[in-house]
Amino acid sequence: MTDRSDPETATDGGLADGKFEEINWQDVDSAEYTRSLKSKLWAAVLGIWALGLGANLFVRYVMADDLFHEIAGVSIPGVAALDPTWIDTIPGLAVADGWIQFPVLGVVALHDWLWSITLAGIAYYAVVPLYEKPRMRRYYWRQFRKNKAAVISGIFLLVIFLVGVVGSRVTDQPTEQAGLDSIPPVGISIDSFVVGPSGQEVADCSGGTCTGTWEHPLGTTTSGEDILISVIHGMEISMMVGLTATALSTVIAATLALLAVYHGGWVDEIIFRWVDIQLTFPAFFLYLLIVYSIGGSLFILIMIFGFIEWGGGARLMRSEALQRREEPYVTASKAAGASPLWTMRRHLLPNISNTIITYVSLSIPSIILAEAALAFLGLGDATVTSWGQTISDGRAELSRAWWISTIPGIFLFLTVLAFNFVGDALRDAIDPRHAGAE
């Protein structure tokens, strides 16, 4: 029979009957964590996600042996004998162009795997905790709504997010349509010779001018692609790249900053000497190197910006965590025998949240702009439609078809501006000290 007074054998770590100094707080925290249904569901989601992504990568790059042939020019002994077509024998699964085709979802691209786990992480670590704590939610909302520009920006970003995620799945990728080139937006009239022959039949053309039609409300590009559809698909790409790469870099930056601050000494020295080296090598040049070596893709872009662009954030978080490390509650936690993980997760991490919000609010728009710049230069993923790509398509026709570059450029500008407003308001709402100081 378990003796509850003994913290070594009690299932609650001795919390019920033990003295404070005898309680194993790590076991208490572990017991509480394992009892959470939410944490079990999150572990299941991570497991399913990892299994699906791992199986897809294994079939594509190991069983097909493509990656090693393309990069190193070598073959793994015995791998060539593995035939990925056996996947077709599993009910509901099939192999399409080297990738696993899942039921309902079809072939899931690598960047879509990253996008899905990012959305799940935002729901688990942000949406669900706010739902579970209505008092905290009401407090944050009261603080957030004081900034009217941030409220409007938040609504705008929510619309961009929903329209991008839903719209890109109910509409096909924009395609070139010969003859429908350079149709102006609704309410705009231009010289008829600018519009293609088929476009003159679709648009309202008379007296040597053509006016936009509701069939293409934002007009078309010089190759006949519908700009509205291009903008909708670009919405999800911008959100995907910005949120996913920032989430990845934030996790890395926060983890290494807390480890360096908590342990100090040689751990701190090694981590931040590596940061110094990394900051001298821009992610842009690494991306260029990979593009010219094996080709570019949205997945590669996200991974590079996620794994390379966290140095500045780590420095910000480290400076804040150094101040929190000397606080009495951290000292008391260590004196009570709390584990490093418990102390960092419960004391240091929540108290550098304002710095994390600041970093996120700066990182998301900068990565969105970086992706748009790469797409504008023709270095992006040609298989997806982004705002930068559409802007690039119209740069040679600014004098005659200005809307091609201007309309996606306006959406890009407003999205970046909105993220900055929302970031400032969130920082003020989460950190009362900052709001009170202004």
Protein backbone atom coordinates (compact mmCIF):
# COMPACT_ATOMS: atom_id res chain seq x y z
CA MET A 1 0.00 0.00 0.00
CA THR A 2 1.33 3.44 -0.93
CA ASP A 3 2.41 5.69 1.93
CA ARG A 4 1.13 9.14 0.92
CA SER A 5 3.33 10.81 3.52
CA ASP A 6 6.44 9.60 1.68
CA PRO A 7 7.13 11.93 -1.26
CA GLU A 8 9.16 9.19 -2.94
CA THR A 9 6.21 6.78 -3.16
CA ALA A 10 3.17 9.06 -3.16
CA THR A 11 1.57 9.43 -6.59
CA ASP A 12 1.06 13.16 -6.02
CA GLY A 13 4.70 13.80 -5.10
CA GLY A 14 3.80 14.10 -1.40
CA LEU A 15 1.64 17.17 -1.98
CA ALA A 16 -1.23 16.04 0.26
CA ASP A 17 0.65 15.27 3.48
CA GLY A 18 4.31 16.21 2.93
CA LYS A 19 6.12 19.31 4.09
CA PHE A 20 6.96 21.98 1.55
CA GLU A 21 10.64 21.17 1.48
CA GLU A 22 9.89 17.43 1.11
CA ILE A 23 7.52 17.75 -1.83
CA ASN A 24 8.81 16.65 -5.21
CA TRP A 25 7.42 19.52 -7.25
CA GLN A 26 8.57 17.98 -10.51
CA ASP A 27 6.42 14.90 -9.86
CA VAL A 28 3.48 17.11 -8.92
CA ASP A 29 3.78 19.04 -12.14
CA SER A 30 4.25 15.84 -14.13
CA ALA A 31 1.17 14.27 -12.56
CA GLU A 32 -0.94 17.31 -13.36
CA TYR A 33 0.34 17.36 -16.90
CA THR A 34 -0.36 13.70 -17.63
CA ARG A 35 -3.89 14.03 -16.29
CA SER A 36 -4.73 16.72 -18.83
CA LEU A 37 -6.93 15.49 -21.66
CA LYS A 38 -5.83 18.49 -23.70
CA SER A 39 -2.18 17.45 -23.49
CA LYS A 40 -3.04 13.88 -24.51
CA LEU A 41 -4.94 15.14 -27.55
CA TRP A 42 -2.03 17.40 -28.46
CA ALA A 43 0.39 14.47 -28.18
CA ALA A 44 -1.90 12.45 -30.46
CA VAL A 45 -2.00 15.28 -33.01
CA LEU A 46 1.80 15.55 -32.96
CA GLY A 47 2.11 11.79 -33.35
CA ILE A 48 -0.26 11.64 -36.33
CA TRP A 49 1.41 14.64 -37.93
CA ALA A 50 4.90 13.21 -37.49
CA LEU A 51 3.78 9.82 -38.82
CA GLY A 52 2.20 11.35 -41.92
CA LEU A 53 5.13 13.65 -42.68
CA GLY A 54 7.68 10.93 -41.98
CA ALA A 55 5.91 8.44 -44.24
CA ASN A 56 5.67 11.00 -47.03
CA LEU A 57 9.37 11.89 -46.81
CA PHE A 58 10.41 8.24 -46.56
CA VAL A 59 8.46 7.24 -49.66
CA ARG A 60 9.59 10.27 -51.66
CA TYR A 61 13.25 10.61 -50.72
CA VAL A 62 14.36 7.25 -49.35
CA MET A 63 12.39 4.56 -51.16
CA ALA A 64 12.58 6.47 -54.43
CA ASP A 65 16.24 7.26 -53.66
CA ASP A 66 15.86 10.63 -55.43
CA LEU A 67 17.46 12.95 -52.90
CA PHE A 68 20.80 11.13 -52.78
CA HIS A 69 21.01 10.78 -56.54
CA GLU A 70 20.30 14.47 -57.11
CA ILE A 71 22.54 15.89 -54.38
CA ALA A 72 25.36 13.44 -53.79
CA GLY A 73 25.09 11.28 -56.90
CA VAL A 74 25.17 8.14 -54.77
CA SER A 75 22.76 5.31 -54.15
CA ILE A 76 22.02 3.59 -50.87
CA PRO A 77 22.59 -0.18 -51.14
CA GLY A 78 19.33 -2.05 -50.99
CA VAL A 79 17.14 1.05 -51.15
CA ALA A 80 16.58 0.76 -54.89
CA ALA A 81 14.96 -2.62 -54.25
CA LEU A 82 12.20 -0.96 -52.24
CA ASP A 83 9.20 -0.27 -54.43
CA PRO A 84 6.98 2.60 -53.18
CA THR A 85 4.04 1.34 -55.23
CA TRP A 86 3.18 -1.08 -52.41
CA ILE A 87 1.48 1.94 -50.81
CA ASP A 88 -1.27 1.47 -53.40
CA THR A 89 -2.30 -1.77 -51.67
CA ILE A 90 -3.25 0.12 -48.48
CA PRO A 91 -6.96 1.11 -48.55
CA GLY A 92 -7.39 4.85 -49.06
CA LEU A 93 -3.73 5.51 -49.89
CA ALA A 94 -1.95 5.80 -53.22
CA VAL A 95 1.34 7.06 -54.65
CA ALA A 96 1.19 10.03 -57.01
CA ASP A 97 4.45 11.34 -58.52
CA GLY A 98 6.45 9.89 -55.63
CA TRP A 99 4.21 11.35 -52.90
CA ILE A 100 1.58 9.63 -50.76
CA GLN A 101 -1.95 10.60 -51.74
CA PHE A 102 -4.15 10.67 -48.63
CA PRO A 103 -7.95 10.23 -48.51
CA VAL A 104 -9.88 13.52 -48.91
CA LEU A 105 -6.67 15.58 -48.53
CA GLY A 106 -4.96 14.27 -51.63
CA VAL A 107 -1.22 14.93 -51.95
CA VAL A 108 -0.07 17.18 -49.09
CA ALA A 109 2.86 19.41 -50.03
CA LEU A 110 5.78 19.76 -47.62
CA HIS A 111 4.94 23.39 -46.83
CA ASP A 112 1.36 22.34 -46.09
CA TRP A 113 2.65 19.94 -43.44
CA LEU A 114 4.43 22.85 -41.74
CA TRP A 115 1.38 25.09 -42.13
CA SER A 116 -0.94 22.52 -40.52
CA ILE A 117 1.22 22.02 -37.42
CA THR A 118 1.65 25.78 -37.08
CA LEU A 119 -2.12 26.29 -37.04
CA ALA A 120 -2.51 23.44 -34.56
CA GLY A 121 0.18 24.96 -32.33
CA ILE A 122 -1.47 28.39 -32.39
CA ALA A 123 -4.77 26.78 -31.41
CA TYR A 124 -3.21 24.74 -28.60
CA TYR A 125 -0.94 27.37 -27.08
CA ALA A 126 -2.99 30.53 -27.70
CA VAL A 127 -6.66 29.96 -28.53
CA VAL A 128 -7.43 27.12 -26.11
CA PRO A 129 -5.76 28.74 -23.04
CA LEU A 130 -7.70 31.96 -23.65
CA TYR A 131 -10.92 29.98 -23.98
CA GLU A 132 -10.24 28.14 -20.73
CA LYS A 133 -9.52 31.36 -18.83
CA PRO A 134 -12.36 33.82 -19.52
CA ARG A 135 -11.16 36.33 -16.91
CA MET A 136 -7.75 36.56 -18.57
CA ARG A 137 -9.42 36.74 -21.97
CA ARG A 138 -11.63 39.64 -20.91
CA TYR A 139 -8.67 41.48 -19.40
CA TYR A 140 -6.56 41.15 -22.53
CA TRP A 141 -9.47 42.25 -24.70
CA ARG A 142 -10.06 45.35 -22.56
CA GLN A 143 -6.39 46.28 -22.94
CA PHE A 144 -6.23 45.41 -26.63
CA ARG A 145 -9.32 47.35 -27.69
CA LYS A 146 -7.85 50.58 -26.32
CA ASN A 147 -5.83 50.68 -29.52
CA LYS A 148 -8.47 51.27 -32.21
CA ALA A 149 -5.99 50.89 -35.04
CA ALA A 150 -5.00 47.48 -33.69
CA VAL A 151 -8.63 46.35 -33.51
CA ILE A 152 -9.21 47.34 -37.14
CA SER A 153 -5.92 45.69 -38.10
CA GLY A 154 -6.87 42.51 -36.26
CA ILE A 155 -10.18 42.30 -38.11
CA PHE A 156 -8.37 42.91 -41.40
CA LEU A 157 -5.84 40.14 -40.70
CA LEU A 158 -8.59 37.74 -39.66
CA VAL A 159 -10.41 38.39 -42.94
CA ILE A 160 -7.17 37.94 -44.90
CA PHE A 161 -6.50 34.68 -43.06
CA LEU A 162 -9.99 33.21 -43.53
CA VAL A 163 -10.36 34.30 -47.14
CA GLY A 164 -6.89 32.99 -47.95
CA VAL A 165 -7.30 29.60 -46.26
CA VAL A 166 -10.85 28.95 -47.48
CA GLY A 167 -10.64 30.74 -50.83
CA SER A 168 -7.47 29.00 -51.96
CA ARG A 169 -9.21 25.65 -51.46
CA VAL A 170 -12.44 26.45 -53.29
CA THR A 171 -10.76 28.14 -56.25
CA ASP A 172 -8.26 26.72 -58.68
CA GLN A 173 -4.80 28.16 -59.16
CA PRO A 174 -4.94 31.19 -61.51
CA THR A 175 -4.18 30.12 -65.06
CA GLU A 176 -3.05 31.99 -68.15
CA GLN A 177 -5.88 32.77 -70.58
CA ALA A 178 -4.75 33.94 -73.98
CA GLY A 179 -6.57 37.04 -75.20
CA LEU A 180 -7.91 38.05 -71.78
CA ASP A 181 -4.82 40.06 -70.94
CA SER A 182 -4.89 43.46 -69.22
CA ILE A 183 -8.63 43.74 -68.47
CA PRO A 184 -8.97 46.67 -66.02
CA PRO A 185 -10.73 46.45 -62.62
CA VAL A 186 -14.40 47.33 -62.27
CA GLY A 187 -14.97 51.07 -62.62
CA ILE A 188 -11.66 51.68 -64.40
CA SER A 189 -11.51 52.60 -68.10
CA ILE A 190 -8.43 52.34 -70.34
CA ASP A 191 -7.63 52.48 -74.03
CA SER A 192 -9.06 49.48 -75.82
CA PHE A 193 -5.79 48.61 -77.59
CA VAL A 194 -4.29 47.64 -74.18
CA VAL A 195 -6.88 44.88 -73.67
CA GLY A 196 -6.53 41.56 -75.48
CA PRO A 197 -8.99 40.59 -78.23
CA SER A 198 -10.97 38.17 -76.08
CA GLY A 199 -10.92 40.65 -73.22
CA GLN A 200 -12.55 43.28 -75.44
CA GLU A 201 -15.46 40.91 -75.91
CA VAL A 202 -15.75 40.31 -72.16
CA ALA A 203 -15.23 43.90 -71.01
CA ASP A 204 -17.48 46.83 -71.84
CA CYS A 205 -15.62 48.36 -74.77
CA SER A 206 -16.94 51.29 -76.75
CA GLY A 207 -15.61 54.54 -78.15
CA GLY A 208 -12.01 53.35 -78.04
CA THR A 209 -12.03 52.55 -74.29
CA CYS A 210 -12.70 49.43 -72.22
CA THR A 211 -14.23 49.34 -68.72
CA GLY A 212 -13.73 46.55 -66.20
CA THR A 213 -16.27 43.77 -65.79
CA TRP A 214 -17.56 41.93 -62.71
CA GLU A 215 -16.43 38.69 -64.32
CA HIS A 216 -12.92 39.85 -63.38
CA PRO A 217 -13.58 42.46 -60.65
CA LEU A 218 -9.90 43.26 -60.01
CA GLY A 219 -8.88 42.85 -63.64
CA THR A 220 -6.41 40.45 -65.21
CA THR A 221 -2.65 40.30 -65.71
CA THR A 222 -0.81 40.59 -69.01
CA SER A 223 -1.08 36.80 -69.35
CA GLY A 224 -4.82 36.73 -68.61
CA GLU A 225 -4.67 35.50 -65.00
CA ASP A 226 -7.50 36.75 -62.79
CA ILE A 227 -5.99 39.14 -60.22
CA LEU A 228 -8.70 38.48 -57.60
CA ILE A 229 -7.87 34.77 -57.58
CA SER A 230 -4.15 35.57 -57.52
CA VAL A 231 -4.64 37.87 -54.53
CA ILE A 232 -6.68 35.23 -52.67
CA HIS A 233 -4.03 32.56 -53.17
CA GLY A 234 -1.35 35.07 -52.22
CA MET A 235 -3.14 35.72 -48.92
CA GLU A 236 -2.57 32.17 -47.71
CA ILE A 237 1.01 32.07 -48.99
CA SER A 238 1.90 35.25 -47.10
CA MET A 239 0.23 34.03 -43.90
CA MET A 240 1.78 30.59 -44.28
CA VAL A 241 5.32 31.84 -44.76
CA GLY A 242 5.10 34.57 -42.11
CA LEU A 243 3.46 32.54 -39.35
CA THR A 244 5.22 29.22 -39.97
CA ALA A 245 8.76 30.57 -40.28
CA THR A 246 8.22 32.88 -37.31
CA ALA A 247 6.81 30.08 -35.17
CA LEU A 248 9.82 27.91 -35.94
CA SER A 249 12.36 30.66 -35.27
CA THR A 250 10.56 31.74 -32.08
CA VAL A 251 10.65 28.24 -30.61
CA ILE A 252 14.37 27.92 -31.37
CA ALA A 253 15.19 31.42 -30.08
CA ALA A 254 13.22 31.06 -26.84
CA THR A 255 14.58 27.57 -26.11
CA LEU A 256 18.22 28.50 -26.60
CA ALA A 257 17.90 31.85 -24.84
CA LEU A 258 16.36 30.24 -21.74
CA LEU A 259 18.92 27.44 -21.71
CA ALA A 260 21.76 29.94 -21.97
CA VAL A 261 20.38 32.18 -19.21
CA TYR A 262 19.45 29.42 -16.79
CA HIS A 263 22.69 27.44 -17.02
CA GLY A 264 25.02 30.34 -17.83
CA GLY A 265 28.77 29.69 -18.04
CA TRP A 266 30.02 27.67 -20.98
CA VAL A 267 26.46 26.88 -22.15
CA ASP A 268 25.72 30.58 -22.56
CA GLU A 269 29.10 31.15 -24.18
CA ILE A 270 28.74 28.39 -26.78
CA ILE A 271 25.16 29.27 -27.75
CA PHE A 272 25.73 32.97 -28.23
CA ARG A 273 29.08 32.66 -29.92
CA TRP A 274 27.22 30.56 -32.47
CA VAL A 275 24.61 33.33 -32.68
CA ASP A 276 27.39 35.82 -33.45
CA ILE A 277 28.62 33.63 -36.29
CA GLN A 278 25.14 33.01 -37.63
CA LEU A 279 24.20 36.69 -37.69
CA THR A 280 27.08 37.36 -40.08
CA PHE A 281 25.60 35.04 -42.72
CA PRO A 282 22.24 36.33 -44.08
CA ALA A 283 19.51 33.80 -44.81
CA PHE A 284 19.02 35.40 -48.21
CA PHE A 285 22.41 34.23 -49.49
CA LEU A 286 21.92 30.73 -48.14
CA TYR A 287 18.59 30.55 -49.93
CA LEU A 288 20.24 31.72 -53.15
CA LEU A 289 22.90 29.02 -52.77
CA ILE A 290 20.27 26.31 -52.35
CA VAL A 291 18.14 27.67 -55.21
CA TYR A 292 21.04 27.45 -57.62
CA SER A 293 22.09 24.04 -56.27
CA ILE A 294 18.88 22.02 -56.06
CA GLY A 295 16.13 24.53 -56.84
CA GLY A 296 13.89 26.64 -54.64
CA SER A 297 10.56 25.85 -53.03
CA LEU A 298 8.25 27.30 -50.41
CA PHE A 299 9.28 24.54 -47.99
CA ILE A 300 12.97 25.40 -48.33
CA LEU A 301 12.25 29.12 -47.90
CA ILE A 302 10.28 28.51 -44.70
CA MET A 303 12.91 26.19 -43.27
CA ILE A 304 15.79 28.58 -44.03
CA PHE A 305 14.10 31.60 -42.50
CA GLY A 306 12.91 29.50 -39.55
CA PHE A 307 16.31 27.96 -38.78
CA ILE A 308 18.54 30.92 -39.65
CA GLU A 309 16.69 34.09 -38.70
CA TRP A 310 16.31 33.48 -34.94
CA GLY A 311 19.60 35.02 -33.77
CA GLY A 312 18.28 38.53 -33.21
CA GLY A 313 15.25 37.21 -31.34
CA ALA A 314 17.42 35.04 -29.12
CA ARG A 315 19.46 38.09 -28.13
CA LEU A 316 16.33 40.06 -27.22
CA MET A 317 14.93 37.18 -25.16
CA ARG A 318 18.25 36.55 -23.44
CA SER A 319 18.54 40.17 -22.30
CA GLU A 320 15.04 40.04 -20.80
CA ALA A 321 15.56 36.60 -19.24
CA LEU A 322 18.81 37.75 -17.59
CA GLN A 323 16.80 40.28 -15.60
CA ARG A 324 14.16 37.73 -14.63
CA ARG A 325 16.78 35.18 -13.54
CA GLU A 326 17.63 37.28 -10.49
CA GLU A 327 14.00 37.65 -9.36
CA PRO A 328 13.10 36.11 -5.95
CA TYR A 329 10.56 33.66 -7.42
CA VAL A 330 13.25 32.09 -9.62
CA THR A 331 15.66 31.82 -6.69
CA ALA A 332 12.92 30.28 -4.54
CA SER A 333 12.08 27.80 -7.28
CA LYS A 334 15.68 26.63 -7.46
CA ALA A 335 15.95 26.46 -3.66
CA ALA A 336 12.82 24.33 -3.50
CA GLY A 337 14.42 21.78 -5.82
CA ALA A 338 12.44 22.54 -8.97
CA SER A 339 13.94 21.13 -12.14
CA PRO A 340 15.47 23.45 -14.75
CA LEU A 341 12.68 22.62 -17.20
CA TRP A 342 10.00 23.44 -14.61
CA THR A 343 11.64 26.74 -13.69
CA MET A 344 12.15 27.82 -17.28
CA ARG A 345 8.63 26.82 -18.34
CA ARG A 346 6.74 28.22 -15.35
CA HIS A 347 8.81 31.25 -14.36
CA LEU A 348 11.20 32.47 -17.04
CA LEU A 349 9.16 31.86 -20.19
CA PRO A 350 5.92 33.61 -19.09
CA ASN A 351 7.90 36.61 -17.88
CA ILE A 352 9.62 37.21 -21.21
CA SER A 353 6.33 36.98 -23.14
CA ASN A 354 6.40 40.71 -23.92
CA THR A 355 9.78 40.30 -25.62
CA ILE A 356 8.52 37.28 -27.54
CA ILE A 357 5.49 39.26 -28.75
CA THR A 358 7.79 42.10 -29.81
CA TYR A 359 9.99 39.69 -31.75
CA VAL A 360 7.02 37.96 -33.39
CA SER A 361 5.42 41.27 -34.39
CA LEU A 362 8.66 42.29 -36.11
CA SER A 363 9.49 38.90 -37.59
CA ILE A 364 6.19 38.09 -39.33
CA PRO A 365 6.03 41.21 -41.54
CA SER A 366 9.75 41.07 -42.32
CA ILE A 367 9.48 37.44 -43.49
CA ILE A 368 6.37 38.23 -45.53
CA LEU A 369 8.29 41.04 -47.22
CA ALA A 370 11.29 38.75 -47.76
CA GLU A 371 9.13 36.12 -49.46
CA ALA A 372 7.52 38.79 -51.65
CA ALA A 373 10.96 40.15 -52.58
CA LEU A 374 12.26 36.70 -53.55
CA ALA A 375 9.12 36.00 -55.60
CA PHE A 376 9.47 39.43 -57.24
CA LEU A 377 13.02 38.54 -58.28
CA GLY A 378 11.82 35.22 -59.70
CA LEU A 379 13.50 33.18 -56.95
CA GLY A 380 10.32 31.97 -55.26
CA ASP A 381 8.33 28.80 -55.73
CA ALA A 382 6.94 28.87 -59.27
CA THR A 383 4.27 26.30 -58.37
CA VAL A 384 2.43 28.67 -56.00
CA THR A 385 0.93 32.11 -56.55
CA SER A 386 2.17 34.85 -54.24
CA TRP A 387 1.75 38.60 -54.07
CA GLY A 388 5.39 39.19 -54.97
CA GLN A 389 5.03 37.07 -58.08
CA THR A 390 1.94 39.00 -59.22
CA ILE A 391 3.66 42.34 -58.55
CA SER A 392 6.58 41.16 -60.68
CA ASP A 393 4.25 40.19 -63.54
CA GLY A 394 3.04 43.78 -63.85
CA ARG A 395 6.26 45.74 -63.38
CA ALA A 396 6.84 46.07 -67.14
CA GLU A 397 3.31 47.38 -67.71
CA LEU A 398 3.03 50.01 -64.97
CA SER A 399 2.32 52.78 -67.45
CA ARG A 400 -0.53 50.93 -69.19
CA ALA A 401 -1.78 48.30 -66.71
CA TRP A 402 -0.88 49.76 -63.33
CA TRP A 403 -3.41 47.66 -61.39
CA ILE A 404 -1.49 44.41 -61.92
CA SER A 405 1.28 45.46 -59.54
CA THR A 406 -0.64 48.02 -57.51
CA ILE A 407 -3.50 45.87 -56.19
CA PRO A 408 -1.38 43.02 -54.69
CA GLY A 409 1.10 45.70 -53.55
CA ILE A 410 -1.68 47.41 -51.55
CA PHE A 411 -2.64 44.12 -49.90
CA LEU A 412 1.01 43.47 -49.05
CA PHE A 413 1.44 46.94 -47.57
CA LEU A 414 -1.75 46.76 -45.47
CA THR A 415 -0.93 43.28 -44.18
CA VAL A 416 2.55 44.29 -43.02
CA LEU A 417 1.17 47.47 -41.43
CA ALA A 418 -1.62 45.54 -39.70
CA PHE A 419 0.80 43.07 -38.14
CA ASN A 420 2.82 45.96 -36.71
CA PHE A 421 -0.28 47.56 -35.15
CA VAL A 422 -1.48 44.25 -33.70
CA GLY A 423 1.98 43.44 -32.34
CA ASP A 424 2.23 46.76 -30.50
CA ALA A 425 -1.23 46.32 -28.97
CA LEU A 426 -0.59 42.73 -27.90
CA ARG A 427 2.66 43.72 -26.24
CA ASP A 428 0.87 46.46 -24.28
CA ALA A 429 -1.97 44.11 -23.29
CA ILE A 430 0.29 41.27 -22.13
CA ASP A 431 2.86 43.43 -20.36
CA PRO A 432 1.12 45.97 -18.06
CA ARG A 433 4.52 47.46 -17.12
CA HIS A 434 5.09 48.56 -20.71
CA ALA A 435 1.60 50.02 -21.07
CA GLY A 436 1.89 51.90 -17.81
CA ALA A 437 5.23 53.35 -18.76
CA GLU A 438 3.82 55.19 -21.75
